[in-house]
PDB file of N, CA and C in Angstrom:
ATOM      1  N   MET A   1     -34.691 -11.793 -69.960  1.00  0.00           N
ATOM      2  CA  MET A   1     -35.897 -12.226 -69.300  1.00  0.00           C
ATOM      3  C   MET A   1     -36.965 -12.430 -70.439  1.00  0.00           C
ATOM      4  N   ALA A   2     -37.655 -13.471 -70.255  1.00  0.00           N
ATOM      5  CA  ALA A   2     -38.783 -13.710 -71.104  1.00  0.00           C
ATOM      6  C   ALA A   2     -39.824 -12.680 -71.116  1.00  0.00           C
ATOM      7  N   THR A   3     -40.491 -12.474 -72.244  1.00  0.00           N
ATOM      8  CA  THR A   3     -41.445 -11.368 -72.267  1.00  0.00           C
ATOM      9  C   THR A   3     -42.743 -11.937 -71.506  1.00  0.00           C
ATOM     10  N   THR A   4     -43.549 -10.907 -71.177  1.00  0.00           N
ATOM     11  CA  THR A   4     -44.730 -11.328 -70.277  1.00  0.00           C
ATOM     12  C   THR A   4     -45.688 -12.346 -71.078  1.00  0.00           C
ATOM     13  N   ASP A   5     -45.780 -12.078 -72.409  1.00  0.00           N
ATOM     14  CA  ASP A   5     -46.644 -13.074 -73.129  1.00  0.00           C
ATOM     15  C   ASP A   5     -46.050 -14.465 -73.124  1.00  0.00           C
ATOM     16  N   ASP A   6     -44.650 -14.541 -73.191  1.00  0.00           N
ATOM     17  CA  ASP A   6     -44.045 -15.865 -73.140  1.00  0.00           C
ATOM     18  C   ASP A   6     -44.268 -16.533 -71.819  1.00  0.00           C
ATOM     19  N   GLN A   7     -44.154 -15.713 -70.739  1.00  0.00           N
ATOM     20  CA  GLN A   7     -44.369 -16.228 -69.321  1.00  0.00           C
ATOM     21  C   GLN A   7     -45.669 -16.683 -69.158  1.00  0.00           C
ATOM     22  N   ILE A   8     -46.660 -15.880 -69.655  1.00  0.00           N
ATOM     23  CA  ILE A   8     -48.072 -16.286 -69.664  1.00  0.00           C
ATOM     24  C   ILE A   8     -48.424 -17.621 -70.297  1.00  0.00           C
ATOM     25  N   ALA A   9     -47.800 -17.757 -71.549  1.00  0.00           N
ATOM     26  CA  ALA A   9     -47.988 -18.943 -72.335  1.00  0.00           C
ATOM     27  C   ALA A   9     -47.456 -20.193 -71.610  1.00  0.00           C
ATOM     28  N   ALA A  10     -46.193 -20.057 -71.088  1.00  0.00           N
ATOM     29  CA  ALA A  10     -45.485 -21.183 -70.308  1.00  0.00           C
ATOM     30  C   ALA A  10     -46.373 -21.576 -69.081  1.00  0.00           C
ATOM     31  N   LEU A  11     -46.828 -20.623 -68.436  1.00  0.00           N
ATOM     32  CA  LEU A  11     -47.520 -20.846 -67.204  1.00  0.00           C
ATOM     33  C   LEU A  11     -48.833 -21.519 -67.485  1.00  0.00           C
ATOM     34  N   GLU A  12     -49.561 -21.039 -68.441  1.00  0.00           N
ATOM     35  CA  GLU A  12     -50.889 -21.635 -68.949  1.00  0.00           C
ATOM     36  C   GLU A  12     -50.651 -23.123 -69.335  1.00  0.00           C
ATOM     37  N   GLU A  13     -49.507 -23.334 -70.085  1.00  0.00           N
ATOM     38  CA  GLU A  13     -49.234 -24.658 -70.543  1.00  0.00           C
ATOM     39  C   GLU A  13     -48.946 -25.626 -69.337  1.00  0.00           C
ATOM     40  N   ALA A  14     -48.116 -25.104 -68.314  1.00  0.00           N
ATOM     41  CA  ALA A  14     -47.875 -25.938 -67.094  1.00  0.00           C
ATOM     42  C   ALA A  14     -49.037 -26.271 -66.433  1.00  0.00           C
ATOM     43  N   ILE A  15     -50.074 -25.270 -66.267  1.00  0.00           N
ATOM     44  CA  ILE A  15     -51.260 -25.537 -65.478  1.00  0.00           C
ATOM     45  C   ILE A  15     -52.042 -26.622 -66.160  1.00  0.00           C
ATOM     46  N   LEU A  16     -52.131 -26.526 -67.582  1.00  0.00           N
ATOM     47  CA  LEU A  16     -52.841 -27.487 -68.282  1.00  0.00           C
ATOM     48  C   LEU A  16     -52.332 -28.885 -68.159  1.00  0.00           C
ATOM     49  N   MET A  17     -50.957 -29.021 -68.074  1.00  0.00           N
ATOM     50  CA  MET A  17     -50.296 -30.216 -68.017  1.00  0.00           C
ATOM     51  C   MET A  17     -50.207 -30.702 -66.488  1.00  0.00           C
ATOM     52  N   GLY A  18     -50.571 -29.910 -65.616  1.00  0.00           N
ATOM     53  CA  GLY A  18     -50.471 -30.407 -64.204  1.00  0.00           C
ATOM     54  C   GLY A  18     -49.032 -30.328 -63.695  1.00  0.00           C
ATOM     55  N   ALA A  19     -48.219 -29.572 -64.262  1.00  0.00           N
ATOM     56  CA  ALA A  19     -46.889 -29.338 -63.771  1.00  0.00           C
ATOM     57  C   ALA A  19     -46.733 -28.152 -62.866  1.00  0.00           C
ATOM     58  N   ARG A  20     -45.807 -28.274 -61.880  1.00  0.00           N
ATOM     59  CA  ARG A  20     -45.689 -27.168 -61.027  1.00  0.00           C
ATOM     60  C   ARG A  20     -44.342 -26.304 -61.283  1.00  0.00           C
ATOM     61  N   LYS A  21     -43.623 -26.879 -62.310  1.00  0.00           N
ATOM     62  CA  LYS A  21     -42.380 -26.213 -62.607  1.00  0.00           C
ATOM     63  C   LYS A  21     -42.526 -25.622 -63.998  1.00  0.00           C
ATOM     64  N   VAL A  22     -42.003 -24.377 -64.167  1.00  0.00           N
ATOM     65  CA  VAL A  22     -42.123 -23.708 -65.376  1.00  0.00           C
ATOM     66  C   VAL A  22     -40.698 -23.233 -65.806  1.00  0.00           C
ATOM     67  N   ILE A  23     -40.324 -23.421 -66.963  1.00  0.00           N
ATOM     68  CA  ILE A  23     -38.993 -23.053 -67.501  1.00  0.00           C
ATOM     69  C   ILE A  23     -39.232 -21.949 -68.599  1.00  0.00           C
ATOM     70  N   PHE A  24     -38.586 -20.830 -68.332  1.00  0.00           N
ATOM     71  CA  PHE A  24     -38.559 -19.722 -69.303  1.00  0.00           C
ATOM     72  C   PHE A  24     -37.186 -19.569 -70.081  1.00  0.00           C
ATOM     73  N   HIS A  25     -37.204 -19.381 -71.364  1.00  0.00           N
ATOM     74  CA  HIS A  25     -35.941 -19.140 -72.085  1.00  0.00           C
ATOM     75  C   HIS A  25     -36.123 -17.704 -72.824  1.00  0.00           C
ATOM     76  N   SER A  26     -35.008 -16.980 -72.715  1.00  0.00           N
ATOM     77  CA  SER A  26     -34.962 -15.734 -73.250  1.00  0.00           C
ATOM     78  C   SER A  26     -33.556 -15.118 -73.420  1.00  0.00           C
ATOM     79  N   GLY A  27     -33.223 -14.835 -74.561  1.00  0.00           N
ATOM     80  CA  GLY A  27     -31.837 -14.241 -74.801  1.00  0.00           C
ATOM     81  C   GLY A  27     -30.692 -15.122 -74.444  1.00  0.00           C
ATOM     82  N   GLY A  28     -30.795 -16.410 -74.529  1.00  0.00           N
ATOM     83  CA  GLY A  28     -29.804 -17.325 -74.178  1.00  0.00           C
ATOM     84  C   GLY A  28     -29.769 -17.635 -72.708  1.00  0.00           C
ATOM     85  N   THR A  29     -30.752 -17.067 -71.903  1.00  0.00           N
ATOM     86  CA  THR A  29     -30.707 -17.478 -70.505  1.00  0.00           C
ATOM     87  C   THR A  29     -31.905 -18.432 -70.097  1.00  0.00           C
ATOM     88  N   ARG A  30     -31.736 -19.104 -69.076  1.00  0.00           N
ATOM     89  CA  ARG A  30     -32.808 -20.106 -68.757  1.00  0.00           C
ATOM     90  C   ARG A  30     -33.230 -19.686 -67.317  1.00  0.00           C
ATOM     91  N   ARG A  31     -34.507 -19.683 -67.114  1.00  0.00           N
ATOM     92  CA  ARG A  31     -35.026 -19.457 -65.679  1.00  0.00           C
ATOM     93  C   ARG A  31     -35.958 -20.470 -65.394  1.00  0.00           C
ATOM     94  N   GLU A  32     -35.969 -21.040 -64.233  1.00  0.00           N
ATOM     95  CA  GLU A  32     -36.799 -22.173 -63.821  1.00  0.00           C
ATOM     96  C   GLU A  32     -37.445 -21.673 -62.506  1.00  0.00           C
ATOM     97  N   VAL A  33     -38.870 -21.843 -62.483  1.00  0.00           N
ATOM     98  CA  VAL A  33     -39.685 -21.519 -61.314  1.00  0.00           C
ATOM     99  C   VAL A  33     -40.492 -22.758 -61.009  1.00  0.00           C
ATOM    100  N   GLU A  34     -40.398 -23.169 -59.706  1.00  0.00           N
ATOM    101  CA  GLU A  34     -41.275 -24.243 -59.131  1.00  0.00           C
ATOM    102  C   GLU A  34     -42.347 -23.654 -58.276  1.00  0.00           C
ATOM    103  N   TYR A  35     -43.486 -23.727 -58.478  1.00  0.00           N
ATOM    104  CA  TYR A  35     -44.612 -23.119 -57.681  1.00  0.00           C
ATOM    105  C   TYR A  35     -45.031 -24.193 -56.592  1.00  0.00           C
ATOM    106  N   HIS A  36     -45.500 -23.700 -55.513  1.00  0.00           N
ATOM    107  CA  HIS A  36     -45.905 -24.547 -54.327  1.00  0.00           C
ATOM    108  C   HIS A  36     -47.280 -25.241 -54.643  1.00  0.00           C
ATOM    109  N   SER A  37     -48.139 -24.452 -55.415  1.00  0.00           N
ATOM    110  CA  SER A  37     -49.511 -25.045 -55.536  1.00  0.00           C
ATOM    111  C   SER A  37     -50.133 -24.431 -56.803  1.00  0.00           C
ATOM    112  N   LEU A  38     -51.151 -25.074 -57.267  1.00  0.00           N
ATOM    113  CA  LEU A  38     -51.942 -24.676 -58.317  1.00  0.00           C
ATOM    114  C   LEU A  38     -52.552 -23.192 -58.086  1.00  0.00           C
ATOM    115  N   LYS A  39     -52.938 -23.057 -56.838  1.00  0.00           N
ATOM    116  CA  LYS A  39     -53.521 -21.721 -56.444  1.00  0.00           C
ATOM    117  C   LYS A  39     -52.496 -20.660 -56.658  1.00  0.00           C
ATOM    118  N   GLU A  40     -51.216 -20.880 -56.310  1.00  0.00           N
ATOM    119  CA  GLU A  40     -50.108 -19.932 -56.474  1.00  0.00           C
ATOM    120  C   GLU A  40     -49.853 -19.726 -58.008  1.00  0.00           C
ATOM    121  N   MET A  41     -49.955 -20.730 -58.817  1.00  0.00           N
ATOM    122  CA  MET A  41     -49.809 -20.510 -60.292  1.00  0.00           C
ATOM    123  C   MET A  41     -50.887 -19.683 -60.801  1.00  0.00           C
ATOM    124  N   ARG A  42     -52.117 -19.926 -60.375  1.00  0.00           N
ATOM    125  CA  ARG A  42     -53.191 -19.187 -61.017  1.00  0.00           C
ATOM    126  C   ARG A  42     -53.162 -17.730 -60.546  1.00  0.00           C
ATOM    127  N   GLU A  43     -52.753 -17.449 -59.276  1.00  0.00           N
ATOM    128  CA  GLU A  43     -52.570 -16.062 -58.829  1.00  0.00           C
ATOM    129  C   GLU A  43     -51.487 -15.368 -59.609  1.00  0.00           C
ATOM    130  N   THR A  44     -50.352 -16.117 -59.810  1.00  0.00           N
ATOM    131  CA  THR A  44     -49.247 -15.507 -60.755  1.00  0.00           C
ATOM    132  C   THR A  44     -49.793 -15.197 -62.159  1.00  0.00           C
ATOM    133  N   LEU A  45     -50.497 -16.138 -62.625  1.00  0.00           N
ATOM    134  CA  LEU A  45     -51.048 -15.962 -64.024  1.00  0.00           C
ATOM    135  C   LEU A  45     -51.926 -14.723 -64.155  1.00  0.00           C
ATOM    136  N   ALA A  46     -52.849 -14.590 -63.127  1.00  0.00           N
ATOM    137  CA  ALA A  46     -53.709 -13.492 -63.034  1.00  0.00           C
ATOM    138  C   ALA A  46     -52.969 -12.122 -62.956  1.00  0.00           C
ATOM    139  N   ALA A  47     -51.867 -12.179 -62.136  1.00  0.00           N
ATOM    140  CA  ALA A  47     -50.981 -10.886 -62.022  1.00  0.00           C
ATOM    141  C   ALA A  47     -50.304 -10.688 -63.276  1.00  0.00           C
ATOM    142  N   LEU A  48     -49.785 -11.690 -64.024  1.00  0.00           N
ATOM    143  CA  LEU A  48     -49.070 -11.376 -65.227  1.00  0.00           C
ATOM    144  C   LEU A  48     -49.982 -10.857 -66.246  1.00  0.00           C
ATOM    145  N   LYS A  49     -51.249 -11.279 -66.332  1.00  0.00           N
ATOM    146  CA  LYS A  49     -52.278 -10.872 -67.289  1.00  0.00           C
ATOM    147  C   LYS A  49     -52.694  -9.433 -66.865  1.00  0.00           C
ATOM    148  N   ALA A  50     -52.741  -9.128 -65.625  1.00  0.00           N
ATOM    149  CA  ALA A  50     -53.235  -7.716 -65.270  1.00  0.00           C
ATOM    150  C   ALA A  50     -52.098  -6.790 -65.643  1.00  0.00           C
ATOM    151  N   SER A  51     -50.873  -7.122 -65.346  1.00  0.00           N
ATOM    152  CA  SER A  51     -49.684  -6.230 -65.697  1.00  0.00           C
ATOM    153  C   SER A  51     -49.592  -6.071 -67.087  1.00  0.00           C
ATOM    154  N   ARG A  52     -49.929  -7.060 -67.909  1.00  0.00           N
ATOM    155  CA  ARG A  52     -49.889  -6.886 -69.381  1.00  0.00           C
ATOM    156  C   ARG A  52     -50.926  -5.796 -69.914  1.00  0.00           C
ATOM    157  N   SER A  53     -52.109  -5.978 -69.272  1.00  0.00           N
ATOM    158  CA  SER A  53     -53.138  -5.107 -69.680  1.00  0.00           C
ATOM    159  C   SER A  53     -53.030  -3.669 -69.145  1.00  0.00           C
ATOM    160  N   THR A  54     -52.366  -3.396 -68.148  1.00  0.00           N
ATOM    161  CA  THR A  54     -52.087  -2.058 -67.724  1.00  0.00           C
ATOM    162  C   THR A  54     -50.860  -1.380 -68.106  1.00  0.00           C
ATOM    163  N   ARG A  55     -49.984  -2.134 -68.800  1.00  0.00           N
ATOM    164  CA  ARG A  55     -48.694  -1.536 -69.271  1.00  0.00           C
ATOM    165  C   ARG A  55     -49.065  -0.814 -70.643  1.00  0.00           C
ATOM    166  N   PRO A  56     -48.473   0.387 -70.822  1.00  0.00           N
ATOM    167  CA  PRO A  56     -48.736   1.128 -72.018  1.00  0.00           C
ATOM    168  C   PRO A  56     -48.081   0.380 -73.165  1.00  0.00           C
ATOM    169  N   ARG A  57     -48.748   0.265 -74.308  1.00  0.00           N
ATOM    170  CA  ARG A  57     -48.173  -0.247 -75.539  1.00  0.00           C
ATOM    171  C   ARG A  57     -47.396   0.697 -76.293  1.00  0.00           C
ATOM    172  N   ILE A  58     -46.440   0.165 -76.834  1.00  0.00           N
ATOM    173  CA  ILE A  58     -45.604   1.094 -77.649  1.00  0.00           C
ATOM    174  C   ILE A  58     -45.928   0.649 -79.160  1.00  0.00           C
ATOM    175  N   ILE A  59     -46.352   1.677 -79.943  1.00  0.00           N
ATOM    176  CA  ILE A  59     -46.640   1.340 -81.278  1.00  0.00           C
ATOM    177  C   ILE A  59     -45.519   1.982 -82.213  1.00  0.00           C
ATOM    178  N   ARG A  60     -44.977   1.103 -82.959  1.00  0.00           N
ATOM    179  CA  ARG A  60     -43.917   1.577 -83.854  1.00  0.00           C
ATOM    180  C   ARG A  60     -44.457   1.661 -85.255  1.00  0.00           C
ATOM    181  N   ALA A  61     -44.282   2.976 -85.814  1.00  0.00           N
ATOM    182  CA  ALA A  61     -44.843   3.109 -87.256  1.00  0.00           C
ATOM    183  C   ALA A  61     -43.571   3.009 -88.198  1.00  0.00           C
ATOM    184  N   ALA A  62     -43.769   2.327 -89.222  1.00  0.00           N
ATOM    185  CA  ALA A  62     -42.698   2.400 -90.181  1.00  0.00           C
ATOM    186  C   ALA A  62     -42.657   3.648 -91.013  1.00  0.00           C
ATOM    187  N   LEU A  63     -41.480   4.275 -91.144  1.00  0.00           N
ATOM    188  CA  LEU A  63     -41.304   5.460 -91.799  1.00  0.00           C
ATOM    189  C   LEU A  63     -40.730   5.166 -93.168  1.00  0.00           C
ATOM    190  N   ASP A  64     -41.318   5.660 -94.165  1.00  0.00           N
ATOM    191  CA  ASP A  64     -40.830   5.419 -95.634  1.00  0.00           C
ATOM    192  C   ASP A  64     -40.113   6.607 -96.027  1.00  0.00           C
TER     193      ASP A  64
END
């Protein structure tokens, strides 16, 4: 599955291009989503951004 950031970028690009179909690639898999309307795309984009901001971030520290 594509990361949330990748999904957001793909959805934003599709909205800017006026496309309703978004294709995500991740780990050798391909996922295609066709939205019914620009409104649905904007709602999905807002939900993805909200989930990204509420998800705890994992910080990896390099140990020497």
